[in-house]
PDB file of N, CA and C in Angstrom:
ATOM      1  N   MET A   1       0.836  -1.174   0.002  1.00  0.00           N
ATOM      2  CA  MET A   1      -0.006  -0.002  -0.001  1.00  0.00           C
ATOM      3  C   MET A   1       0.887   1.248   0.003  1.00  0.00           C
ATOM      4  N   ILE A   2       0.545   2.220  -0.816  1.00  0.00           N
ATOM      5  CA  ILE A   2       1.276   3.470  -0.886  1.00  0.00           C
ATOM      6  C   ILE A   2       0.845   4.354   0.276  1.00  0.00           C
ATOM      7  N   GLN A   3       1.818   4.907   0.990  1.00  0.00           N
ATOM      8  CA  GLN A   3       1.534   5.835   2.080  1.00  0.00           C
ATOM      9  C   GLN A   3       1.212   7.205   1.513  1.00  0.00           C
ATOM     10  N   ARG A   4       0.173   7.833   2.041  1.00  0.00           N
ATOM     11  CA  ARG A   4      -0.203   9.182   1.625  1.00  0.00           C
ATOM     12  C   ARG A   4      -0.169  10.092   2.830  1.00  0.00           C
ATOM     13  N   SER A   5       0.270  11.317   2.635  1.00  0.00           N
ATOM     14  CA  SER A   5       0.252  12.286   3.723  1.00  0.00           C
ATOM     15  C   SER A   5      -0.072  13.663   3.164  1.00  0.00           C
ATOM     16  N   ALA A   6      -0.818  14.433   3.930  1.00  0.00           N
ATOM     17  CA  ALA A   6      -1.215  15.783   3.525  1.00  0.00           C
ATOM     18  C   ALA A   6      -0.078  16.748   3.801  1.00  0.00           C
ATOM     19  N   ILE A   7       0.056  17.750   2.931  1.00  0.00           N
ATOM     20  CA  ILE A   7       1.033  18.795   3.080  1.00  0.00           C
ATOM     21  C   ILE A   7       0.302  20.117   3.227  1.00  0.00           C
ATOM     22  N   PHE A   8       0.673  20.899   4.244  1.00  0.00           N
ATOM     23  CA  PHE A   8       0.084  22.198   4.470  1.00  0.00           C
ATOM     24  C   PHE A   8       1.204  23.230   4.648  1.00  0.00           C
ATOM     25  N   PRO A   9       1.434  24.125   3.677  1.00  0.00           N
ATOM     26  CA  PRO A   9       2.414  25.181   3.920  1.00  0.00           C
ATOM     27  C   PRO A   9       1.969  25.998   5.138  1.00  0.00           C
ATOM     28  N   ALA A  10       2.929  26.420   5.939  1.00  0.00           N
ATOM     29  CA  ALA A  10       2.626  27.094   7.209  1.00  0.00           C
ATOM     30  C   ALA A  10       1.718  28.309   7.021  1.00  0.00           C
ATOM     31  N   ASN A  11       1.926  29.079   5.965  1.00  0.00           N
ATOM     32  CA  ASN A  11       1.153  30.300   5.805  1.00  0.00           C
ATOM     33  C   ASN A  11      -0.232  30.049   5.214  1.00  0.00           C
ATOM     34  N   ARG A  12      -0.564  28.805   4.886  1.00  0.00           N
ATOM     35  CA  ARG A  12      -1.851  28.489   4.255  1.00  0.00           C
ATOM     36  C   ARG A  12      -2.648  27.458   5.043  1.00  0.00           C
ATOM     37  N   HIS A  13      -2.086  26.929   6.129  1.00  0.00           N
ATOM     38  CA  HIS A  13      -2.718  25.807   6.801  1.00  0.00           C
ATOM     39  C   HIS A  13      -4.145  26.113   7.251  1.00  0.00           C
ATOM     40  N   ALA A  14      -4.371  27.239   7.889  1.00  0.00           N
ATOM     41  CA  ALA A  14      -5.708  27.556   8.383  1.00  0.00           C
ATOM     42  C   ALA A  14      -6.699  27.679   7.225  1.00  0.00           C
ATOM     43  N   LEU A  15      -6.297  28.317   6.148  1.00  0.00           N
ATOM     44  CA  LEU A  15      -7.169  28.474   4.994  1.00  0.00           C
ATOM     45  C   LEU A  15      -7.526  27.108   4.400  1.00  0.00           C
ATOM     46  N   ASP A  16      -6.545  26.246   4.239  1.00  0.00           N
ATOM     47  CA  ASP A  16      -6.784  24.912   3.701  1.00  0.00           C
ATOM     48  C   ASP A  16      -7.720  24.123   4.595  1.00  0.00           C
ATOM     49  N   ALA A  17      -7.539  24.228   5.910  1.00  0.00           N
ATOM     50  CA  ALA A  17      -8.371  23.506   6.863  1.00  0.00           C
ATOM     51  C   ALA A  17      -9.825  23.988   6.807  1.00  0.00           C
ATOM     52  N   VAL A  18     -10.023  25.299   6.691  1.00  0.00           N
ATOM     53  CA  VAL A  18     -11.376  25.862   6.621  1.00  0.00           C
ATOM     54  C   VAL A  18     -12.121  25.345   5.396  1.00  0.00           C
ATOM     55  N   HIS A  19     -11.412  25.225   4.271  1.00  0.00           N
ATOM     56  CA  HIS A  19     -12.051  24.828   3.032  1.00  0.00           C
ATOM     57  C   HIS A  19     -12.020  23.314   2.816  1.00  0.00           C
ATOM     58  N   GLY A  20     -11.414  22.575   3.728  1.00  0.00           N
ATOM     59  CA  GLY A  20     -11.470  21.119   3.695  1.00  0.00           C
ATOM     60  C   GLY A  20     -10.695  20.451   2.591  1.00  0.00           C
ATOM     61  N   TYR A  21      -9.498  20.920   2.312  1.00  0.00           N
ATOM     62  CA  TYR A  21      -8.656  20.253   1.342  1.00  0.00           C
ATOM     63  C   TYR A  21      -7.202  20.381   1.763  1.00  0.00           C
ATOM     64  N   SER A  22      -6.381  19.548   1.165  1.00  0.00           N
ATOM     65  CA  SER A  22      -4.925  19.616   1.396  1.00  0.00           C
ATOM     66  C   SER A  22      -4.296  20.402   0.275  1.00  0.00           C
ATOM     67  N   ALA A  23      -3.329  21.231   0.589  1.00  0.00           N
ATOM     68  CA  ALA A  23      -2.611  21.969  -0.460  1.00  0.00           C
ATOM     69  C   ALA A  23      -1.890  20.993  -1.360  1.00  0.00           C
ATOM     70  N   ALA A  24      -1.489  19.856  -0.802  1.00  0.00           N
ATOM     71  CA  ALA A  24      -0.840  18.814  -1.593  1.00  0.00           C
ATOM     72  C   ALA A  24      -0.950  17.495  -0.859  1.00  0.00           C
ATOM     73  N   ILE A  25      -0.821  16.418  -1.603  1.00  0.00           N
ATOM     74  CA  ILE A  25      -0.774  15.077  -1.037  1.00  0.00           C
ATOM     75  C   ILE A  25       0.479  14.398  -1.584  1.00  0.00           C
ATOM     76  N   ARG A  26       1.301  13.909  -0.636  1.00  0.00           N
ATOM     77  CA  ARG A  26       2.469  13.119  -0.999  1.00  0.00           C
ATOM     78  C   ARG A  26       1.991  11.679  -1.104  1.00  0.00           C
ATOM     79  N   SER A  27       2.295  11.030  -2.234  1.00  0.00           N
ATOM     80  CA  SER A  27       1.959   9.637  -2.438  1.00  0.00           C
ATOM     81  C   SER A  27       3.194   8.949  -2.994  1.00  0.00           C
ATOM     82  N   GLY A  28       3.784   8.089  -2.194  1.00  0.00           N
ATOM     83  CA  GLY A  28       5.054   7.488  -2.601  1.00  0.00           C
ATOM     84  C   GLY A  28       6.093   8.574  -2.750  1.00  0.00           C
ATOM     85  N   ASP A  29       6.758   8.595  -3.889  1.00  0.00           N
ATOM     86  CA  ASP A  29       7.771   9.625  -4.157  1.00  0.00           C
ATOM     87  C   ASP A  29       7.180  10.853  -4.845  1.00  0.00           C
ATOM     88  N   GLY A  30       5.893  10.797  -5.192  1.00  0.00           N
ATOM     89  CA  GLY A  30       5.274  11.898  -5.949  1.00  0.00           C
ATOM     90  C   GLY A  30       4.538  12.877  -5.033  1.00  0.00           C
ATOM     91  N   LEU A  31       4.250  14.020  -5.610  1.00  0.00           N
ATOM     92  CA  LEU A  31       3.514  15.062  -4.902  1.00  0.00           C
ATOM     93  C   LEU A  31       2.481  15.637  -5.839  1.00  0.00           C
ATOM     94  N   CYS A  32       1.194  15.575  -5.462  1.00  0.00           N
ATOM     95  CA  CYS A  32       0.119  16.174  -6.244  1.00  0.00           C
ATOM     96  C   CYS A  32      -0.309  17.447  -5.530  1.00  0.00           C
ATOM     97  N   VAL A  33      -0.240  18.572  -6.205  1.00  0.00           N
ATOM     98  CA  VAL A  33      -0.515  19.873  -5.610  1.00  0.00           C
ATOM     99  C   VAL A  33      -1.884  20.357  -6.051  1.00  0.00           C
ATOM    100  N   SER A  34      -2.690  20.808  -5.083  1.00  0.00           N
ATOM    101  CA  SER A  34      -4.012  21.373  -5.392  1.00  0.00           C
ATOM    102  C   SER A  34      -3.860  22.727  -6.047  1.00  0.00           C
ATOM    103  N   GLY A  35      -4.970  23.198  -6.622  1.00  0.00           N
ATOM    104  CA  GLY A  35      -4.970  24.509  -7.237  1.00  0.00           C
ATOM    105  C   GLY A  35      -4.683  25.595  -6.203  1.00  0.00           C
ATOM    106  N   GLN A  36      -4.023  26.624  -6.643  1.00  0.00           N
ATOM    107  CA  GLN A  36      -3.681  27.750  -5.789  1.00  0.00           C
ATOM    108  C   GLN A  36      -4.288  29.012  -6.394  1.00  0.00           C
ATOM    109  N   VAL A  37      -4.691  29.922  -5.537  1.00  0.00           N
ATOM    110  CA  VAL A  37      -5.304  31.175  -5.984  1.00  0.00           C
ATOM    111  C   VAL A  37      -4.554  32.344  -5.388  1.00  0.00           C
ATOM    112  N   GLY A  38      -4.862  33.514  -5.859  1.00  0.00           N
ATOM    113  CA  GLY A  38      -4.186  34.735  -5.408  1.00  0.00           C
ATOM    114  C   GLY A  38      -4.835  35.359  -4.210  1.00  0.00           C
ATOM    115  N   SER A  39      -4.955  34.571  -3.137  1.00  0.00           N
ATOM    116  CA  SER A  39      -5.515  35.110  -1.888  1.00  0.00           C
ATOM    117  C   SER A  39      -4.517  34.877  -0.772  1.00  0.00           C
ATOM    118  N   GLY A  40      -4.633  35.704   0.253  1.00  0.00           N
ATOM    119  CA  GLY A  40      -3.787  35.558   1.418  1.00  0.00           C
ATOM    120  C   GLY A  40      -4.307  34.492   2.354  1.00  0.00           C
ATOM    121  N   SER A  41      -3.646  34.338   3.491  1.00  0.00           N
ATOM    122  CA  SER A  41      -4.011  33.286   4.444  1.00  0.00           C
ATOM    123  C   SER A  41      -5.390  33.480   5.034  1.00  0.00           C
ATOM    124  N   ASP A  42      -5.943  34.693   4.944  1.00  0.00           N
ATOM    125  CA  ASP A  42      -7.302  34.929   5.443  1.00  0.00           C
ATOM    126  C   ASP A  42      -8.358  34.758   4.347  1.00  0.00           C
ATOM    127  N   SER A  43      -7.952  34.302   3.182  1.00  0.00           N
ATOM    128  CA  SER A  43      -8.761  34.040   1.985  1.00  0.00           C
ATOM    129  C   SER A  43      -9.208  35.287   1.238  1.00  0.00           C
ATOM    130  N   SER A  44      -8.740  36.475   1.654  1.00  0.00           N
ATOM    131  CA  SER A  44      -9.101  37.689   0.926  1.00  0.00           C
ATOM    132  C   SER A  44      -8.177  37.834  -0.290  1.00  0.00           C
ATOM    133  N   PRO A  45      -8.755  38.156  -1.461  1.00  0.00           N
ATOM    134  CA  PRO A  45      -7.928  38.289  -2.649  1.00  0.00           C
ATOM    135  C   PRO A  45      -7.068  39.552  -2.592  1.00  0.00           C
ATOM    136  N   ASN A  46      -5.895  39.460  -3.182  1.00  0.00           N
ATOM    137  CA  ASN A  46      -5.065  40.648  -3.342  1.00  0.00           C
ATOM    138  C   ASN A  46      -5.776  41.593  -4.298  1.00  0.00           C
ATOM    139  N   PRO A  47      -5.724  42.903  -4.076  1.00  0.00           N
ATOM    140  CA  PRO A  47      -6.341  43.825  -5.045  1.00  0.00           C
ATOM    141  C   PRO A  47      -5.513  43.860  -6.324  1.00  0.00           C
ATOM    142  N   GLY A  48      -6.189  43.829  -7.415  1.00  0.00           N
ATOM    143  CA  GLY A  48      -5.533  43.893  -8.715  1.00  0.00           C
ATOM    144  C   GLY A  48      -5.173  42.524  -9.241  1.00  0.00           C
ATOM    145  N   PHE A  49      -5.444  42.301 -10.512  1.00  0.00           N
ATOM    146  CA  PHE A  49      -5.241  40.997 -11.117  1.00  0.00           C
ATOM    147  C   PHE A  49      -3.769  40.608 -11.125  1.00  0.00           C
ATOM    148  N   GLU A  50      -2.856  41.508 -11.465  1.00  0.00           N
ATOM    149  CA  GLU A  50      -1.437  41.158 -11.496  1.00  0.00           C
ATOM    150  C   GLU A  50      -0.945  40.704 -10.131  1.00  0.00           C
ATOM    151  N   ALA A  51      -1.368  41.392  -9.063  1.00  0.00           N
ATOM    152  CA  ALA A  51      -0.974  41.000  -7.696  1.00  0.00           C
ATOM    153  C   ALA A  51      -1.548  39.626  -7.351  1.00  0.00           C
ATOM    154  N   GLN A  52      -2.761  39.325  -7.784  1.00  0.00           N
ATOM    155  CA  GLN A  52      -3.354  38.015  -7.543  1.00  0.00           C
ATOM    156  C   GLN A  52      -2.568  36.922  -8.241  1.00  0.00           C
ATOM    157  N   VAL A  53      -2.152  37.179  -9.488  1.00  0.00           N
ATOM    158  CA  VAL A  53      -1.388  36.193 -10.234  1.00  0.00           C
ATOM    159  C   VAL A  53      -0.055  35.920  -9.527  1.00  0.00           C
ATOM    160  N   ARG A  54       0.634  36.982  -9.144  1.00  0.00           N
ATOM    161  CA  ARG A  54       1.922  36.798  -8.455  1.00  0.00           C
ATOM    162  C   ARG A  54       1.745  36.004  -7.152  1.00  0.00           C
ATOM    163  N   LEU A  55       0.709  36.314  -6.394  1.00  0.00           N
ATOM    164  CA  LEU A  55       0.469  35.605  -5.146  1.00  0.00           C
ATOM    165  C   LEU A  55       0.083  34.148  -5.399  1.00  0.00           C
ATOM    166  N   ALA A  56      -0.701  33.892  -6.419  1.00  0.00           N
ATOM    167  CA  ALA A  56      -1.060  32.496  -6.747  1.00  0.00           C
ATOM    168  C   ALA A  56       0.196  31.689  -7.076  1.00  0.00           C
ATOM    169  N   PHE A  57       1.098  32.253  -7.881  1.00  0.00           N
ATOM    170  CA  PHE A  57       2.331  31.539  -8.198  1.00  0.00           C
ATOM    171  C   PHE A  57       3.226  31.404  -6.964  1.00  0.00           C
ATOM    172  N   SER A  58       3.245  32.408  -6.094  1.00  0.00           N
ATOM    173  CA  SER A  58       3.999  32.317  -4.851  1.00  0.00           C
ATOM    174  C   SER A  58       3.442  31.215  -3.968  1.00  0.00           C
ATOM    175  N   ASN A  59       2.108  31.147  -3.858  1.00  0.00           N
ATOM    176  CA  ASN A  59       1.468  30.073  -3.081  1.00  0.00           C
ATOM    177  C   ASN A  59       1.803  28.712  -3.683  1.00  0.00           C
ATOM    178  N   LEU A  60       1.811  28.646  -5.005  1.00  0.00           N
ATOM    179  CA  LEU A  60       2.160  27.385  -5.666  1.00  0.00           C
ATOM    180  C   LEU A  60       3.584  26.974  -5.370  1.00  0.00           C
ATOM    181  N   ALA A  61       4.510  27.926  -5.355  1.00  0.00           N
ATOM    182  CA  ALA A  61       5.915  27.617  -5.064  1.00  0.00           C
ATOM    183  C   ALA A  61       6.097  27.181  -3.616  1.00  0.00           C
ATOM    184  N   ASP A  62       5.350  27.745  -2.695  1.00  0.00           N
ATOM    185  CA  ASP A  62       5.479  27.409  -1.269  1.00  0.00           C
ATOM    186  C   ASP A  62       5.084  25.966  -0.983  1.00  0.00           C
ATOM    187  N   THR A  63       4.179  25.434  -1.744  1.00  0.00           N
ATOM    188  CA  THR A  63       3.632  24.112  -1.433  1.00  0.00           C
ATOM    189  C   THR A  63       4.653  22.993  -1.603  1.00  0.00           C
ATOM    190  N   PRO A  64       5.332  22.842  -2.737  1.00  0.00           N
ATOM    191  CA  PRO A  64       6.344  21.785  -2.811  1.00  0.00           C
ATOM    192  C   PRO A  64       7.479  22.003  -1.797  1.00  0.00           C
ATOM    193  N   ASN A  65       7.841  23.268  -1.560  1.00  0.00           N
ATOM    194  CA  ASN A  65       8.883  23.546  -0.578  1.00  0.00           C
ATOM    195  C   ASN A  65       8.485  23.033   0.812  1.00  0.00           C
ATOM    196  N   ALA A  66       7.218  23.185   1.181  1.00  0.00           N
ATOM    197  CA  ALA A  66       6.750  22.723   2.489  1.00  0.00           C
ATOM    198  C   ALA A  66       6.833  21.205   2.598  1.00  0.00           C
ATOM    199  N   ALA A  67       6.797  20.542   1.453  1.00  0.00           N
ATOM    200  CA  ALA A  67       6.879  19.064   1.435  1.00  0.00           C
ATOM    201  C   ALA A  67       8.300  18.564   1.285  1.00  0.00           C
ATOM    202  N   GLY A  68       9.269  19.489   1.193  1.00  0.00           N
ATOM    203  CA  GLY A  68      10.651  19.094   1.018  1.00  0.00           C
ATOM    204  C   GLY A  68      11.034  18.814  -0.427  1.00  0.00           C
ATOM    205  N   TYR A  69      10.207  19.281  -1.340  1.00  0.00           N
ATOM    206  CA  TYR A  69      10.478  19.117  -2.768  1.00  0.00           C
ATOM    207  C   TYR A  69      10.970  20.441  -3.348  1.00  0.00           C
ATOM    208  N   SER A  70      11.605  20.353  -4.499  1.00  0.00           N
ATOM    209  CA  SER A  70      12.023  21.533  -5.227  1.00  0.00           C
ATOM    210  C   SER A  70      10.923  21.927  -6.216  1.00  0.00           C
ATOM    211  N   PHE A  71      10.765  23.199  -6.430  1.00  0.00           N
ATOM    212  CA  PHE A  71       9.801  23.664  -7.426  1.00  0.00           C
ATOM    213  C   PHE A  71      10.222  23.232  -8.826  1.00  0.00           C
ATOM    214  N   ASP A  72      11.487  22.892  -8.998  1.00  0.00           N
ATOM    215  CA  ASP A  72      11.974  22.404 -10.291  1.00  0.00           C
ATOM    216  C   ASP A  72      11.303  21.108 -10.707  1.00  0.00           C
ATOM    217  N   GLY A  73      10.715  20.382  -9.747  1.00  0.00           N
ATOM    218  CA  GLY A  73      10.082  19.114 -10.046  1.00  0.00           C
ATOM    219  C   GLY A  73       8.689  19.223 -10.629  1.00  0.00           C
ATOM    220  N   ILE A  74       8.155  20.443 -10.728  1.00  0.00           N
ATOM    221  CA  ILE A  74       6.822  20.629 -11.317  1.00  0.00           C
ATOM    222  C   ILE A  74       6.890  20.235 -12.791  1.00  0.00           C
ATOM    223  N   VAL A  75       5.994  19.336 -13.214  1.00  0.00           N
ATOM    224  CA  VAL A  75       5.998  18.887 -14.601  1.00  0.00           C
ATOM    225  C   VAL A  75       4.736  19.282 -15.349  1.00  0.00           C
ATOM    226  N   ASP A  76       3.680  19.644 -14.626  1.00  0.00           N
ATOM    227  CA  ASP A  76       2.416  19.922 -15.309  1.00  0.00           C
ATOM    228  C   ASP A  76       1.666  21.016 -14.551  1.00  0.00           C
ATOM    229  N   VAL A  77       1.125  21.970 -15.277  1.00  0.00           N
ATOM    230  CA  VAL A  77       0.364  23.079 -14.701  1.00  0.00           C
ATOM    231  C   VAL A  77      -0.928  23.217 -15.493  1.00  0.00           C
ATOM    232  N   THR A  78      -2.042  23.355 -14.785  1.00  0.00           N
ATOM    233  CA  THR A  78      -3.325  23.629 -15.409  1.00  0.00           C
ATOM    234  C   THR A  78      -3.877  24.905 -14.784  1.00  0.00           C
ATOM    235  N   CYS A  79      -4.349  25.807 -15.618  1.00  0.00           N
ATOM    236  CA  CYS A  79      -4.923  27.051 -15.071  1.00  0.00           C
ATOM    237  C   CYS A  79      -6.236  27.365 -15.788  1.00  0.00           C
ATOM    238  N   PHE A  80      -7.075  28.101 -15.086  1.00  0.00           N
ATOM    239  CA  PHE A  80      -8.394  28.477 -15.587  1.00  0.00           C
ATOM    240  C   PHE A  80      -8.476  29.992 -15.631  1.00  0.00           C
ATOM    241  N   HIS A  81      -9.029  30.522 -16.721  1.00  0.00           N
ATOM    242  CA  HIS A  81      -9.072  31.972 -16.953  1.00  0.00           C
ATOM    243  C   HIS A  81     -10.481  32.413 -17.325  1.00  0.00           C
ATOM    244  N   ALA A  82     -10.976  33.400 -16.583  1.00  0.00           N
ATOM    245  CA  ALA A  82     -12.314  33.931 -16.894  1.00  0.00           C
ATOM    246  C   ALA A  82     -12.274  34.823 -18.135  1.00  0.00           C
ATOM    247  N   GLU A  83     -11.135  35.469 -18.394  1.00  0.00           N
ATOM    248  CA  GLU A  83     -10.992  36.348 -19.559  1.00  0.00           C
ATOM    249  C   GLU A  83      -9.616  36.075 -20.205  1.00  0.00           C
ATOM    250  N   PRO A  84      -9.465  34.920 -20.862  1.00  0.00           N
ATOM    251  CA  PRO A  84      -8.136  34.546 -21.371  1.00  0.00           C
ATOM    252  C   PRO A  84      -7.534  35.552 -22.342  1.00  0.00           C
ATOM    253  N   GLU A  85      -8.364  36.180 -23.149  1.00  0.00           N
ATOM    254  CA  GLU A  85      -7.797  37.114 -24.151  1.00  0.00           C
ATOM    255  C   GLU A  85      -7.135  38.329 -23.496  1.00  0.00           C
ATOM    256  N   THR A  86      -7.579  38.712 -22.325  1.00  0.00           N
ATOM    257  CA  THR A  86      -6.962  39.841 -21.638  1.00  0.00           C
ATOM    258  C   THR A  86      -6.025  39.411 -20.504  1.00  0.00           C
ATOM    259  N   GLN A  87      -6.258  38.230 -19.924  1.00  0.00           N
ATOM    260  CA  GLN A  87      -5.477  37.797 -18.765  1.00  0.00           C
ATOM    261  C   GLN A  87      -4.205  37.028 -19.115  1.00  0.00           C
ATOM    262  N   LEU A  88      -4.163  36.376 -20.246  1.00  0.00           N
ATOM    263  CA  LEU A  88      -3.059  35.492 -20.559  1.00  0.00           C
ATOM    264  C   LEU A  88      -1.694  36.160 -20.523  1.00  0.00           C
ATOM    265  N   PRO A  89      -1.512  37.378 -21.052  1.00  0.00           N
ATOM    266  CA  PRO A  89      -0.185  38.007 -20.973  1.00  0.00           C
ATOM    267  C   PRO A  89       0.318  38.178 -19.542  1.00  0.00           C
ATOM    268  N   THR A  90      -0.556  38.554 -18.629  1.00  0.00           N
ATOM    269  CA  THR A  90      -0.182  38.729 -17.222  1.00  0.00           C
ATOM    270  C   THR A  90       0.175  37.381 -16.609  1.00  0.00           C
ATOM    271  N   ILE A  91      -0.600  36.366 -16.922  1.00  0.00           N
ATOM    272  CA  ILE A  91      -0.335  35.023 -16.369  1.00  0.00           C
ATOM    273  C   ILE A  91       0.965  34.472 -16.934  1.00  0.00           C
ATOM    274  N   MET A  92       1.208  34.671 -18.206  1.00  0.00           N
ATOM    275  CA  MET A  92       2.459  34.176 -18.795  1.00  0.00           C
ATOM    276  C   MET A  92       3.669  34.879 -18.180  1.00  0.00           C
ATOM    277  N   GLN A  93       3.540  36.155 -17.837  1.00  0.00           N
ATOM    278  CA  GLN A  93       4.633  36.875 -17.164  1.00  0.00           C
ATOM    279  C   GLN A  93       4.855  36.290 -15.768  1.00  0.00           C
ATOM    280  N   GLY A  94       3.789  36.041 -15.037  1.00  0.00           N
ATOM    281  CA  GLY A  94       3.919  35.410 -13.708  1.00  0.00           C
ATOM    282  C   GLY A  94       4.534  34.053 -13.798  1.00  0.00           C
ATOM    283  N   LYS A  95       4.146  33.276 -14.791  1.00  0.00           N
ATOM    284  CA  LYS A  95       4.723  31.942 -14.989  1.00  0.00           C
ATOM    285  C   LYS A  95       6.194  32.046 -15.291  1.00  0.00           C
ATOM    286  N   ALA A  96       6.586  32.984 -16.144  1.00  0.00           N
ATOM    287  CA  ALA A  96       7.998  33.136 -16.496  1.00  0.00           C
ATOM    288  C   ALA A  96       8.849  33.530 -15.294  1.00  0.00           C
ATOM    289  N   GLU A  97       8.282  34.284 -14.367  1.00  0.00           N
ATOM    290  CA  GLU A  97       9.029  34.695 -13.170  1.00  0.00           C
ATOM    291  C   GLU A  97       9.253  33.530 -12.222  1.00  0.00           C
ATOM    292  N   ILE A  98       8.298  32.621 -12.116  1.00  0.00           N
ATOM    293  CA  ILE A  98       8.415  31.530 -11.152  1.00  0.00           C
ATOM    294  C   ILE A  98       8.993  30.265 -11.780  1.00  0.00           C
ATOM    295  N   LEU A  99       8.824  30.095 -13.073  1.00  0.00           N
ATOM    296  CA  LEU A  99       9.351  28.945 -13.803  1.00  0.00           C
ATOM    297  C   LEU A  99      10.207  29.441 -14.974  1.00  0.00           C
ATOM    298  N   PRO A 100      11.343  30.108 -14.679  1.00  0.00           N
ATOM    299  CA  PRO A 100      12.079  30.769 -15.742  1.00  0.00           C
ATOM    300  C   PRO A 100      12.952  29.896 -16.608  1.00  0.00           C
ATOM    301  N   SER A 101      13.252  28.671 -16.185  1.00  0.00           N
ATOM    302  CA  SER A 101      14.235  27.886 -16.939  1.00  0.00           C
ATOM    303  C   SER A 101      13.595  26.748 -17.703  1.00  0.00           C
ATOM    304  N   ALA A 102      14.246  26.378 -18.783  1.00  0.00           N
ATOM    305  CA  ALA A 102      13.825  25.225 -19.583  1.00  0.00           C
ATOM    306  C   ALA A 102      14.164  23.967 -18.783  1.00  0.00           C
ATOM    307  N   PRO A 103      13.498  22.884 -18.994  1.00  0.00           N
ATOM    308  CA  PRO A 103      12.482  22.719 -20.023  1.00  0.00           C
ATOM    309  C   PRO A 103      11.139  23.310 -19.568  1.00  0.00           C
ATOM    310  N   ASP A 104      10.374  23.768 -20.547  1.00  0.00           N
ATOM    311  CA  ASP A 104       9.033  24.258 -20.226  1.00  0.00           C
ATOM    312  C   ASP A 104       8.199  23.103 -19.690  1.00  0.00           C
ATOM    313  N   ARG A 105       7.308  23.410 -18.789  1.00  0.00           N
ATOM    314  CA  ARG A 105       6.424  22.386 -18.220  1.00  0.00           C
ATOM    315  C   ARG A 105       5.213  22.184 -19.137  1.00  0.00           C
ATOM    316  N   ASN A 106       4.557  21.036 -18.966  1.00  0.00           N
ATOM    317  CA  ASN A 106       3.263  20.870 -19.615  1.00  0.00           C
ATOM    318  C   ASN A 106       2.359  21.977 -19.108  1.00  0.00           C
ATOM    319  N   TRP A 107       1.593  22.583 -19.987  1.00  0.00           N
ATOM    320  CA  TRP A 107       0.763  23.721 -19.582  1.00  0.00           C
ATOM    321  C   TRP A 107      -0.579  23.616 -20.270  1.00  0.00           C
ATOM    322  N   THR A 108      -1.645  23.567 -19.490  1.00  0.00           N
ATOM    323  CA  THR A 108      -2.998  23.575 -20.028  1.00  0.00           C
ATOM    324  C   THR A 108      -3.688  24.802 -19.495  1.00  0.00           C
ATOM    325  N   ALA A 109      -4.159  25.665 -20.387  1.00  0.00           N
ATOM    326  CA  ALA A 109      -4.874  26.890 -19.999  1.00  0.00           C
ATOM    327  C   ALA A 109      -6.296  26.783 -20.551  1.00  0.00           C
ATOM    328  N   LEU A 110      -7.284  26.911 -19.661  1.00  0.00           N
ATOM    329  CA  LEU A 110      -8.674  26.778 -20.033  1.00  0.00           C
ATOM    330  C   LEU A 110      -9.420  28.064 -19.812  1.00  0.00           C
ATOM    331  N   GLY A 111     -10.155  28.501 -20.826  1.00  0.00           N
ATOM    332  CA  GLY A 111     -11.027  29.649 -20.680  1.00  0.00           C
ATOM    333  C   GLY A 111     -12.370  29.191 -20.109  1.00  0.00           C
ATOM    334  N   VAL A 112     -12.850  29.905 -19.088  1.00  0.00           N
ATOM    335  CA  VAL A 112     -14.099  29.524 -18.462  1.00  0.00           C
ATOM    336  C   VAL A 112     -15.029  30.747 -18.407  1.00  0.00           C
ATOM    337  N   THR A 113     -16.309  30.490 -18.360  1.00  0.00           N
ATOM    338  CA  THR A 113     -17.258  31.590 -18.222  1.00  0.00           C
ATOM    339  C   THR A 113     -18.141  31.346 -17.009  1.00  0.00           C
TER     340      THR A 113
END
């Protein structure tokens, strides 16, 4: 049987507990990370879309680190966009800042309404 354990970054633990999910689950040698958003530990969103994007990527980076993993191990990213035609440039800039080196990760971007 594969051992599973929940991962909670220190600055997000209360928020994750309130909403009833784990920021990540370690299973064997792998780590599956839940979706991250641009809100602080009190769940309030940062003002401004660019600030939210930066915080979401920062929250995403904190999660593998809390589990003892490197962010370099991220192989796949999925994101959802309410206004992809206007939001994508900002998101791509945030992605480039947090994942600056090759190889590029698998990336799925979905427009939602």
